[in-house]
Amino acid sequence: MPSSALYLQFMYASQAIISCWGAFQSVNAVTNLQKYEKTSEKLAEWSDTAKQHLHKTRTTQTTGALTVLASLITSLLLALGSPYLPAWFRLSASPALLVAVLLARRHIKQYWNPKDLPSGGGVRIPLPNMEGYNEAQRRTDELLQTLEYLEYGWVGTSLVAGMLLGSSSAS
């Protein structure tokens, strides 16, 4: 196996490690948010705003969890089984995950960290006597950073895989 293919497998393995860290952050955030689930559901019965926030909290956390899971599974498949996978999968997996991570990060950021978006928004401030919620907010911010690292990684693996598969089909 050429050294460039080993380098690519190392990149995929690195993506898997980053994805594991993202999964840890996601699980931690969801666990902390579940402490407030019953109260949030009761509020949602009486307030449309609370109902919308509960829905956005659930959908953004689900998006984050599913994205890091897809990233983990794909990077492990590519790191461990690359020689046995079809060329179309090896070539398209990284760009597909890049798009998925970009979309997921944007979706999560729109709700949890709107100050960085062109549309403006505010800063989420820690809430008194809600340590679990504040921890979930902190972990979600860390998840956003981890998703950014995954973006860079999927860009890198897209380029390297494209160059490797392009040069192997040309020869």
Protein backbone atom coordinates (compact mmCIF):
# COMPACT_ATOMS: atom_id res chain seq x y z
CA MET A 1 0.00 0.00 0.00
CA PRO A 2 1.48 3.35 -1.02
CA SER A 3 2.39 5.81 1.71
CA SER A 4 -0.17 8.33 0.42
CA ALA A 5 -2.95 5.77 0.99
CA LEU A 6 -1.66 5.24 4.53
CA TYR A 7 -1.71 8.99 5.05
CA LEU A 8 -5.34 9.07 3.92
CA GLN A 9 -6.21 6.24 6.30
CA PHE A 10 -4.55 8.18 9.11
CA MET A 11 -6.67 11.20 8.18
CA TYR A 12 -9.83 9.07 8.34
CA ALA A 13 -8.78 7.66 11.70
CA SER A 14 -8.24 11.22 12.95
CA GLN A 15 -11.75 12.08 11.74
CA ALA A 16 -13.07 9.13 13.76
CA ILE A 17 -11.35 10.40 16.90
CA ILE A 18 -12.73 13.91 16.41
CA SER A 19 -16.17 12.39 15.82
CA CYS A 20 -15.90 10.46 19.09
CA TRP A 21 -15.16 13.72 20.90
CA GLY A 22 -18.17 15.31 19.22
CA ALA A 23 -20.33 12.35 20.27
CA PHE A 24 -19.19 12.80 23.87
CA GLN A 25 -20.13 16.48 23.77
CA SER A 26 -23.47 15.71 22.18
CA VAL A 27 -24.38 13.03 24.73
CA ASN A 28 -23.36 15.34 27.56
CA ALA A 29 -25.50 18.20 26.21
CA VAL A 30 -28.54 15.98 25.67
CA THR A 31 -28.20 14.42 29.12
CA ASN A 32 -28.09 17.85 30.75
CA LEU A 33 -31.05 19.11 28.70
CA GLN A 34 -33.15 16.08 29.67
CA LYS A 35 -33.11 17.33 33.26
CA TYR A 36 -35.41 20.14 32.10
CA GLU A 37 -37.54 18.09 29.70
CA LYS A 38 -40.67 17.72 31.86
CA THR A 39 -40.68 21.40 32.82
CA SER A 40 -40.16 22.40 29.20
CA GLU A 41 -43.03 20.18 28.06
CA LYS A 42 -45.38 21.73 30.65
CA LEU A 43 -44.36 25.22 29.54
CA ALA A 44 -44.88 24.23 25.91
CA GLU A 45 -48.51 23.37 26.70
CA TRP A 46 -49.12 27.00 27.66
CA SER A 47 -46.73 28.96 25.46
CA ASP A 48 -46.14 28.80 21.72
CA THR A 49 -42.71 30.39 22.26
CA ALA A 50 -41.75 27.67 24.75
CA LYS A 51 -43.08 25.06 22.31
CA GLN A 52 -40.91 26.47 19.51
CA HIS A 53 -37.83 26.55 21.75
CA LEU A 54 -38.42 22.96 22.86
CA HIS A 55 -38.78 21.87 19.24
CA LYS A 56 -35.63 23.73 18.15
CA THR A 57 -33.67 22.37 21.10
CA ARG A 58 -34.68 18.81 20.21
CA THR A 59 -34.05 19.16 16.47
CA THR A 60 -30.67 20.86 16.82
CA GLN A 61 -29.42 18.34 19.36
CA THR A 62 -30.65 15.47 17.17
CA THR A 63 -28.94 17.02 14.16
CA GLY A 64 -25.65 17.25 16.05
CA ALA A 65 -25.85 13.68 17.35
CA LEU A 66 -26.74 12.17 13.97
CA THR A 67 -24.05 14.15 12.17
CA VAL A 68 -21.22 13.08 14.47
CA LEU A 69 -22.53 9.49 14.34
CA ALA A 70 -22.54 9.54 10.52
CA SER A 71 -19.07 11.08 10.54
CA LEU A 72 -17.80 8.42 12.94
CA ILE A 73 -19.24 5.49 11.00
CA THR A 74 -18.05 6.80 7.63
CA SER A 75 -14.55 7.65 8.83
CA LEU A 76 -14.18 4.20 10.44
CA LEU A 77 -15.41 2.51 7.26
CA LEU A 78 -12.94 4.48 5.18
CA ALA A 79 -10.04 4.03 7.61
CA LEU A 80 -10.48 0.29 8.04
CA GLY A 81 -12.07 -0.89 4.81
CA SER A 82 -10.85 1.54 2.19
CA PRO A 83 -9.13 -1.06 -0.02
CA TYR A 84 -12.34 -3.10 -0.13
CA LEU A 85 -14.78 -0.26 -0.79
CA PRO A 86 -15.84 0.77 -4.30
CA ALA A 87 -14.02 3.76 -5.76
CA TRP A 88 -17.26 5.77 -6.09
CA PHE A 89 -17.85 5.46 -2.33
CA ARG A 90 -14.26 6.38 -1.44
CA LEU A 91 -14.47 9.40 -3.73
CA SER A 92 -17.92 10.65 -2.72
CA ALA A 93 -17.99 9.93 1.04
CA SER A 94 -15.79 12.85 2.12
CA PRO A 95 -17.58 15.52 0.07
CA ALA A 96 -20.96 14.14 1.21
CA LEU A 97 -19.90 14.31 4.86
CA LEU A 98 -18.50 17.79 4.33
CA VAL A 99 -21.90 18.98 3.09
CA ALA A 100 -23.69 17.19 5.93
CA VAL A 101 -21.43 18.75 8.57
CA LEU A 102 -21.73 22.22 7.01
CA LEU A 103 -25.53 22.00 7.02
CA ALA A 104 -25.70 20.57 10.54
CA ARG A 105 -23.36 23.18 11.94
CA ARG A 106 -25.39 25.98 10.35
CA HIS A 107 -28.65 24.53 11.68
CA ILE A 108 -27.31 24.21 15.23
CA LYS A 109 -25.62 27.60 15.15
CA GLN A 110 -28.80 29.39 14.07
CA TYR A 111 -30.41 28.43 17.36
CA TRP A 112 -27.58 28.02 19.87
CA ASN A 113 -25.06 30.63 18.76
CA PRO A 114 -26.81 33.26 16.62
CA LYS A 115 -24.38 36.11 17.38
CA ASP A 116 -21.91 34.84 14.75
CA LEU A 117 -24.47 34.77 11.94
CA PRO A 118 -24.97 37.61 9.44
CA SER A 119 -28.58 37.91 10.65
CA GLY A 120 -27.29 39.03 14.04
CA GLY A 121 -29.05 37.69 17.08
CA GLY A 122 -27.98 37.80 20.63
CA VAL A 123 -25.62 36.12 23.00
CA ARG A 124 -26.97 33.33 25.17
CA ILE A 125 -26.18 34.17 28.75
CA PRO A 126 -25.96 31.58 31.52
CA LEU A 127 -29.21 31.17 33.44
CA PRO A 128 -29.20 31.32 37.24
CA ASN A 129 -29.90 28.05 39.08
CA MET A 130 -29.84 26.06 35.84
CA GLU A 131 -26.35 24.61 35.90
CA GLY A 132 -27.34 21.61 33.74
CA TYR A 133 -28.78 23.85 31.04
CA ASN A 134 -25.71 26.09 31.14
CA GLU A 135 -23.48 23.01 30.83
CA ALA A 136 -25.56 21.82 27.86
CA GLN A 137 -25.14 25.23 26.25
CA ARG A 138 -21.36 25.09 26.80
CA ARG A 139 -21.16 21.56 25.37
CA THR A 140 -23.22 22.61 22.36
CA ASP A 141 -20.78 25.46 21.73
CA GLU A 142 -17.93 22.93 21.94
CA LEU A 143 -19.84 20.64 19.56
CA LEU A 144 -20.03 23.51 17.08
CA GLN A 145 -16.24 23.88 17.31
CA THR A 146 -15.79 20.13 16.84
CA LEU A 147 -18.06 20.21 13.78
CA GLU A 148 -15.83 22.96 12.38
CA TYR A 149 -12.79 20.69 12.83
CA LEU A 150 -14.70 17.92 11.07
CA GLU A 151 -15.38 20.32 8.19
CA TYR A 152 -11.66 20.97 7.79
CA GLY A 153 -10.94 17.25 7.97
CA TRP A 154 -13.54 16.34 5.36
CA VAL A 155 -12.18 19.07 3.06
CA GLY A 156 -8.69 17.59 3.47
CA THR A 157 -9.77 14.00 2.91
CA SER A 158 -11.86 15.07 -0.10
CA LEU A 159 -8.81 16.65 -1.71
CA VAL A 160 -6.41 13.81 -0.88
CA ALA A 161 -8.87 11.08 -1.89
CA GLY A 162 -9.60 12.94 -5.13
CA MET A 163 -5.91 13.21 -5.94
CA LEU A 164 -5.23 9.56 -5.10
CA LEU A 165 -8.18 8.17 -7.01
CA GLY A 166 -7.57 10.57 -9.89
CA SER A 167 -3.92 9.51 -10.20
CA SER A 168 -4.72 5.79 -9.87
CA SER A 169 -7.37 5.91 -12.62
CA ALA A 170 -5.04 7.88 -14.92
CA SER A 171 -2.30 5.24 -14.75
